[in-house]
């Protein structure tokens, strides 16, 4: 196997997380512990304590730029890895990004495997946790 872009192993699953939140951080750490993969996090800011994380690589996209710039950044990222044998697994990590993904699912599904609602809850909160409706209520 060979490395693509110095840190993505060809043939691997690449978690692509949208937004920085406690769920995103925990998801990235869980993916790293269980599968040894680094998550790519697209977000508008990078919290200081997470900047040196070994399980996340950040791609900063200013929120003020609008959702079209984020979509373009995601598509560009996927296109850079387009020839590699990879599964880009897109996981929105808050309600705002979940809505964005569902609104643009047709375009994103050409490049990413998108987590569905049940899978997002499992990934965010772990297999034995409460459903999202109970947590946010």
Protein backbone atom coordinates (compact mmCIF):
# COMPACT_ATOMS: atom_id res chain seq x y z
CA UNK A 1 0.00 0.00 0.00
CA UNK A 2 1.17 3.51 -0.65
CA UNK A 3 0.54 6.82 1.05
CA UNK A 4 -1.39 9.53 -0.74
CA UNK A 5 -0.85 13.16 0.32
CA UNK A 6 1.72 11.90 2.93
CA UNK A 7 -0.85 10.69 5.49
CA UNK A 8 -3.71 8.90 3.72
CA UNK A 9 -3.08 5.23 3.12
CA UNK A 10 -4.36 3.95 -0.21
CA UNK A 11 -7.16 1.46 0.29
CA UNK A 12 -8.32 3.06 3.54
CA UNK A 13 -11.50 4.64 4.77
CA UNK A 14 -11.06 8.38 5.26
CA UNK A 15 -13.52 9.92 7.73
CA UNK A 16 -14.43 13.43 6.55
CA UNK A 17 -16.07 15.32 9.41
CA UNK A 18 -18.01 18.54 8.95
CA UNK A 19 -17.86 21.04 11.79
CA UNK A 20 -15.96 21.06 15.03
CA UNK A 21 -17.93 19.97 18.06
CA UNK A 22 -17.54 17.56 20.96
CA UNK A 23 -19.12 14.92 18.72
CA UNK A 24 -16.56 15.58 15.97
CA UNK A 25 -13.66 15.38 18.37
CA UNK A 26 -14.88 12.17 19.98
CA UNK A 27 -15.65 10.65 16.58
CA UNK A 28 -12.14 11.42 15.31
CA UNK A 29 -10.55 9.98 18.44
CA UNK A 30 -12.73 6.85 18.26
CA UNK A 31 -11.89 6.33 14.55
CA UNK A 32 -8.20 6.67 15.34
CA UNK A 33 -8.30 4.29 18.34
CA UNK A 34 -10.39 1.63 16.61
CA UNK A 35 -9.16 1.81 13.03
CA UNK A 36 -5.91 3.81 13.09
CA UNK A 37 -7.19 6.36 10.57
CA UNK A 38 -6.83 10.12 10.66
CA UNK A 39 -10.02 12.11 10.21
CA UNK A 40 -10.21 15.15 7.97
CA UNK A 41 -12.20 17.93 9.63
CA UNK A 42 -13.68 20.76 7.57
CA UNK A 43 -14.60 23.61 9.92
CA UNK A 44 -14.61 27.39 10.25
CA UNK A 45 -12.25 27.56 13.24
CA UNK A 46 -9.69 25.31 14.87
CA UNK A 47 -9.83 25.29 18.68
CA UNK A 48 -6.40 25.76 20.24
CA UNK A 49 -6.38 22.50 22.26
CA UNK A 50 -7.12 20.47 19.12
CA UNK A 51 -4.53 22.04 16.82
CA UNK A 52 -1.91 19.47 17.72
CA UNK A 53 -4.22 16.46 17.61
CA UNK A 54 -2.67 13.40 16.02
CA UNK A 55 -5.99 11.99 14.87
CA UNK A 56 -7.39 15.06 13.04
CA UNK A 57 -6.17 17.11 10.14
CA UNK A 58 -8.02 20.38 9.75
CA UNK A 59 -9.19 22.13 6.60
CA UNK A 60 -10.32 25.61 7.54
CA UNK A 61 -13.21 27.04 5.53
CA UNK A 62 -14.50 30.37 6.91
CA UNK A 63 -18.21 30.24 7.74
CA UNK A 64 -18.65 33.73 6.32
CA UNK A 65 -17.67 32.41 2.90
CA UNK A 66 -20.97 30.52 2.66
CA UNK A 67 -21.88 26.96 1.98
CA UNK A 68 -20.83 27.04 -1.69
CA UNK A 69 -17.18 27.50 -0.68
CA UNK A 70 -17.45 24.57 1.73
CA UNK A 71 -18.99 22.40 -0.99
CA UNK A 72 -16.22 23.44 -3.38
CA UNK A 73 -13.56 22.64 -0.76
CA UNK A 74 -15.08 19.19 -0.17
CA UNK A 75 -15.27 18.47 -3.90
CA UNK A 76 -11.69 19.67 -4.45
CA UNK A 77 -10.48 17.47 -1.60
CA UNK A 78 -12.30 14.44 -3.03
CA UNK A 79 -11.02 15.18 -6.54
CA UNK A 80 -7.42 15.32 -5.27
CA UNK A 81 -7.85 11.78 -3.98
CA UNK A 82 -10.03 10.67 -6.88
CA UNK A 83 -7.59 8.17 -8.36
CA UNK A 84 -6.73 6.55 -5.04
CA UNK A 85 -8.46 3.45 -3.78
CA UNK A 86 -10.25 5.23 -0.92
CA UNK A 87 -13.66 5.45 0.68
CA UNK A 88 -14.38 9.04 1.69
CA UNK A 89 -16.91 8.73 4.52
CA UNK A 90 -18.72 12.04 5.06
CA UNK A 91 -20.08 12.62 8.59
CA UNK A 92 -21.76 15.94 9.42
CA UNK A 93 -21.17 16.65 13.12
CA UNK A 94 -23.96 19.09 13.94
CA UNK A 95 -27.46 19.92 12.75
CA UNK A 96 -26.33 22.80 10.50
CA UNK A 97 -23.97 20.58 8.52
CA UNK A 98 -26.47 17.73 8.48
CA UNK A 99 -28.97 20.01 6.72
CA UNK A 100 -26.28 21.21 4.31
CA UNK A 101 -25.36 17.62 3.40
CA UNK A 102 -28.97 16.56 2.82
CA UNK A 103 -29.63 19.71 0.75
CA UNK A 104 -26.65 18.88 -1.51
CA UNK A 105 -26.71 15.08 -1.24
CA UNK A 106 -26.95 14.48 -4.98
CA UNK A 107 -23.73 16.38 -5.67
CA UNK A 108 -21.86 14.98 -2.64
CA UNK A 109 -22.87 11.34 -3.22
CA UNK A 110 -20.81 11.32 -6.41
CA UNK A 111 -17.67 11.61 -4.29
CA UNK A 112 -18.53 10.53 -0.74
CA UNK A 113 -20.31 7.83 1.18
CA UNK A 114 -22.68 9.86 3.37
CA UNK A 115 -23.62 8.66 6.83
CA UNK A 116 -27.40 8.36 7.24
CA UNK A 117 -29.21 9.63 10.35
CA UNK A 118 -28.98 6.36 12.30
CA UNK A 119 -25.31 5.98 11.42
CA UNK A 120 -24.57 9.58 12.44
CA UNK A 121 -26.09 8.93 15.85
CA UNK A 122 -24.08 5.72 16.22
CA UNK A 123 -20.86 7.42 15.15
CA UNK A 124 -21.42 10.56 17.25
CA UNK A 125 -22.54 8.88 20.44
CA UNK A 126 -21.30 5.29 20.23
CA UNK A 127 -23.31 2.12 19.83
CA UNK A 128 -24.82 2.02 23.32
CA UNK A 129 -25.92 5.65 23.58
CA UNK A 130 -29.27 7.39 23.52
CA UNK A 131 -30.84 8.46 20.20
CA UNK A 132 -30.21 12.02 19.06
CA UNK A 133 -33.77 13.14 19.85
CA UNK A 134 -33.33 12.17 23.52
CA UNK A 135 -29.94 13.87 23.79
CA UNK A 136 -31.06 17.18 22.27
CA UNK A 137 -34.44 17.29 24.07
